[in-house]
Amino acid sequence: MSNPPASSSSSRVTFASLTHRNLGTVKKLNSVLFPIKYSDKFYQDIIAPEVEDFCQLIYYNDVPVGNICCRLENNKDLYLMTMGVLAPYRSKQLGSQALKRVIKAAASHSKPKIRRIYLHVQVSNTDAKRFYERHGFKEAGIKEDYYKKIMPRDAWILERIIDSEDKQDQEKPEL
């Protein structure tokens, strides 16, 4: 049974868990948002019950406009695989709301306890790096030749350590 979209603080923005029913929507969004094609295994993994809180569709006025997808690794890390919002809907805080939901869910997760969220950002994408830094992520290194089919191939590794304060739905000041 599909979960109804969960409302956020803004009445125009809602989130929904990924299911077989909305997987086609996720595939279509990803084909527009990202320069690579994801495998069938990727799409099966993002609808697994254990990642339900970490893989969400983002709706704006009931229109699907983006998604965020993470996977659990090593029983302690959450890897943010993809996050994207269609261009006309950017600058509406949708990505920020989605990321805050995932951070809060990670902080509340107890089995396993998640100690950090990390991701890769292409070194040419300084806007994305700044976005994540505004949300408490720090550069942990550079992975050379991370991308095989797009240039530049190198990626920043960004991480955010999860602590008990992340359980609250508090706003961090944006700089």
Protein backbone atom coordinates (compact mmCIF):
# COMPACT_ATOMS: atom_id res chain seq x y z
CA MET A 1 0.00 0.00 0.00
CA SER A 2 1.36 3.40 -0.98
CA ASN A 3 1.92 6.05 1.68
CA PRO A 4 0.23 9.41 1.05
CA PRO A 5 2.64 12.32 0.65
CA ALA A 6 3.75 13.77 3.98
CA SER A 7 3.24 17.50 4.37
CA SER A 8 6.12 19.74 5.30
CA SER A 9 5.92 23.09 7.05
CA SER A 10 4.95 24.69 3.74
CA SER A 11 1.52 23.65 2.49
CA ARG A 12 2.74 23.60 -1.11
CA VAL A 13 5.59 21.11 -0.54
CA THR A 14 5.03 17.41 0.21
CA PHE A 15 7.19 14.29 0.27
CA ALA A 16 6.37 10.66 -0.50
CA SER A 17 8.23 7.40 -0.01
CA LEU A 18 9.30 5.63 -3.18
CA THR A 19 7.25 2.62 -4.27
CA HIS A 20 6.77 0.46 -7.37
CA ARG A 21 3.88 2.80 -8.24
CA ASN A 22 5.96 5.98 -8.43
CA LEU A 23 9.27 4.49 -9.61
CA GLY A 24 8.51 5.51 -13.21
CA THR A 25 8.25 9.12 -12.03
CA VAL A 26 11.64 8.85 -10.31
CA LYS A 27 13.20 7.40 -13.49
CA LYS A 28 11.78 10.23 -15.60
CA LEU A 29 13.00 12.89 -13.14
CA ASN A 30 16.48 11.30 -13.01
CA SER A 31 16.72 11.26 -16.81
CA VAL A 32 16.19 15.03 -16.80
CA LEU A 33 18.20 15.87 -13.66
CA PHE A 34 21.36 13.79 -14.03
CA PRO A 35 23.87 13.22 -16.86
CA ILE A 36 24.02 9.45 -16.32
CA LYS A 37 21.58 6.56 -16.66
CA TYR A 38 20.98 4.55 -13.49
CA SER A 39 20.77 0.75 -13.46
CA ASP A 40 17.71 -1.36 -12.70
CA LYS A 41 19.47 -2.43 -9.48
CA PHE A 42 19.68 1.24 -8.39
CA TYR A 43 15.90 1.56 -8.80
CA GLN A 44 15.20 -1.69 -6.94
CA ASP A 45 17.49 -0.62 -4.08
CA ILE A 46 15.78 2.76 -3.57
CA ILE A 47 12.40 1.17 -2.89
CA ALA A 48 13.72 -1.22 -0.22
CA PRO A 49 11.89 -0.87 3.13
CA GLU A 50 15.09 -0.09 5.07
CA VAL A 51 15.66 3.13 3.07
CA GLU A 52 12.05 4.36 3.04
CA ASP A 53 12.89 7.40 5.21
CA PHE A 54 15.94 8.23 3.09
CA CYS A 55 14.49 7.98 -0.42
CA GLN A 56 11.70 10.46 -1.13
CA LEU A 57 9.88 12.12 -3.99
CA ILE A 58 9.49 15.89 -3.67
CA TYR A 59 6.18 17.41 -4.74
CA TYR A 60 5.38 21.07 -5.28
CA ASN A 61 1.65 21.79 -5.57
CA ASP A 62 1.11 18.03 -6.11
CA VAL A 63 3.57 17.98 -9.06
CA PRO A 64 6.64 15.72 -8.69
CA VAL A 65 9.63 18.05 -9.10
CA GLY A 66 12.55 16.22 -7.51
CA ASN A 67 13.84 13.43 -5.34
CA ILE A 68 16.47 12.46 -2.83
CA CYS A 69 17.87 8.91 -2.63
CA CYS A 70 20.28 7.47 -0.06
CA ARG A 71 21.57 4.02 0.85
CA LEU A 72 22.86 2.55 4.09
CA GLU A 73 26.50 1.46 4.07
CA ASN A 74 28.60 -0.44 6.61
CA ASN A 75 25.75 -0.31 9.14
CA LYS A 76 26.81 3.21 10.16
CA ASP A 77 26.93 5.50 7.13
CA LEU A 78 24.25 6.97 4.91
CA TYR A 79 25.42 7.61 1.35
CA LEU A 80 23.46 10.32 -0.46
CA MET A 81 23.39 8.91 -4.00
CA THR A 82 21.20 11.48 -5.72
CA MET A 83 19.35 14.66 -4.92
CA GLY A 84 17.86 16.90 -7.56
CA VAL A 85 15.10 19.40 -8.19
CA LEU A 86 13.88 20.46 -11.63
CA ALA A 87 15.33 23.85 -12.67
CA PRO A 88 12.08 25.88 -12.56
CA TYR A 89 11.55 24.81 -8.91
CA ARG A 90 15.01 25.59 -7.58
CA SER A 91 15.45 28.47 -5.13
CA LYS A 92 12.20 27.45 -3.40
CA GLN A 93 14.03 25.64 -0.56
CA LEU A 94 12.82 22.24 -1.80
CA GLY A 95 16.28 20.66 -1.77
CA SER A 96 16.96 22.16 1.66
CA GLN A 97 13.70 20.74 3.04
CA ALA A 98 14.44 17.29 1.58
CA LEU A 99 17.96 17.27 2.96
CA LYS A 100 16.79 18.38 6.42
CA ARG A 101 14.20 15.56 6.43
CA VAL A 102 16.90 12.99 5.63
CA ILE A 103 19.29 14.42 8.25
CA LYS A 104 16.54 14.29 10.90
CA ALA A 105 15.59 10.73 9.87
CA ALA A 106 19.25 9.67 10.04
CA ALA A 107 19.64 11.17 13.52
CA SER A 108 16.52 9.34 14.73
CA HIS A 109 17.53 6.01 13.17
CA SER A 110 18.66 3.57 15.87
CA LYS A 111 19.07 0.20 14.15
CA PRO A 112 21.67 0.76 12.90
CA LYS A 113 22.77 4.07 14.44
CA ILE A 114 23.88 6.29 11.59
CA ARG A 115 27.04 8.23 12.38
CA ARG A 116 27.43 10.25 9.16
CA ILE A 117 25.96 11.19 5.81
CA TYR A 118 28.35 11.52 2.91
CA LEU A 119 28.22 12.15 -0.82
CA HIS A 120 30.27 12.93 -3.89
CA VAL A 121 30.04 16.23 -5.79
CA GLN A 122 31.74 16.77 -9.14
CA VAL A 123 34.61 19.24 -8.60
CA SER A 124 33.20 21.60 -11.23
CA ASN A 125 29.89 21.92 -9.31
CA THR A 126 30.81 24.64 -6.82
CA ASP A 127 27.15 25.64 -6.36
CA ALA A 128 26.29 22.14 -5.10
CA LYS A 129 29.33 22.14 -2.82
CA ARG A 130 28.27 25.46 -1.28
CA PHE A 131 24.70 24.16 -0.86
CA TYR A 132 25.88 21.16 1.15
CA GLU A 133 28.33 23.26 3.17
CA ARG A 134 25.42 25.54 4.18
CA HIS A 135 23.80 22.39 5.57
CA GLY A 136 26.76 21.41 7.73
CA PHE A 137 28.72 19.22 5.32
CA LYS A 138 32.51 19.50 5.24
CA GLU A 139 35.00 18.50 2.58
CA ALA A 140 36.60 15.19 3.58
CA GLY A 141 38.77 14.75 0.50
CA ILE A 142 38.81 14.37 -3.26
CA LYS A 143 38.18 11.09 -5.06
CA GLU A 144 40.13 11.08 -8.31
CA ASP A 145 38.51 9.47 -11.36
CA TYR A 146 35.22 8.96 -9.50
CA TYR A 147 33.15 9.71 -12.60
CA LYS A 148 33.79 7.45 -15.58
CA LYS A 149 31.54 8.97 -18.24
CA ILE A 150 31.51 12.69 -17.44
CA MET A 151 34.18 15.37 -17.15
CA PRO A 152 35.78 16.44 -14.94
CA ARG A 153 36.14 12.96 -13.45
CA ASP A 154 37.14 14.02 -9.92
CA ALA A 155 34.68 14.48 -7.06
CA TRP A 156 34.75 16.15 -3.68
CA ILE A 157 33.79 13.85 -0.82
CA LEU A 158 31.53 15.82 1.52
CA GLU A 159 30.36 14.52 4.88
CA ARG A 160 28.25 15.54 7.82
CA ILE A 161 28.62 13.85 11.18
CA ILE A 162 25.22 13.10 12.73
CA ASP A 163 24.71 14.15 16.34
CA SER A 164 21.81 14.28 18.76
CA GLU A 165 21.04 17.92 17.91
CA ASP A 166 20.09 16.80 14.39
CA LYS A 167 17.01 15.06 15.81
CA GLN A 168 15.33 18.41 16.41
CA ASP A 169 13.76 20.20 13.51
CA GLN A 170 15.86 23.29 14.05
CA GLU A 171 16.93 25.77 11.46
CA LYS A 172 20.62 26.42 10.96
CA PRO A 173 21.37 30.00 9.99
CA GLU A 174 22.22 30.36 6.32
CA LEU A 175 25.29 32.44 5.59
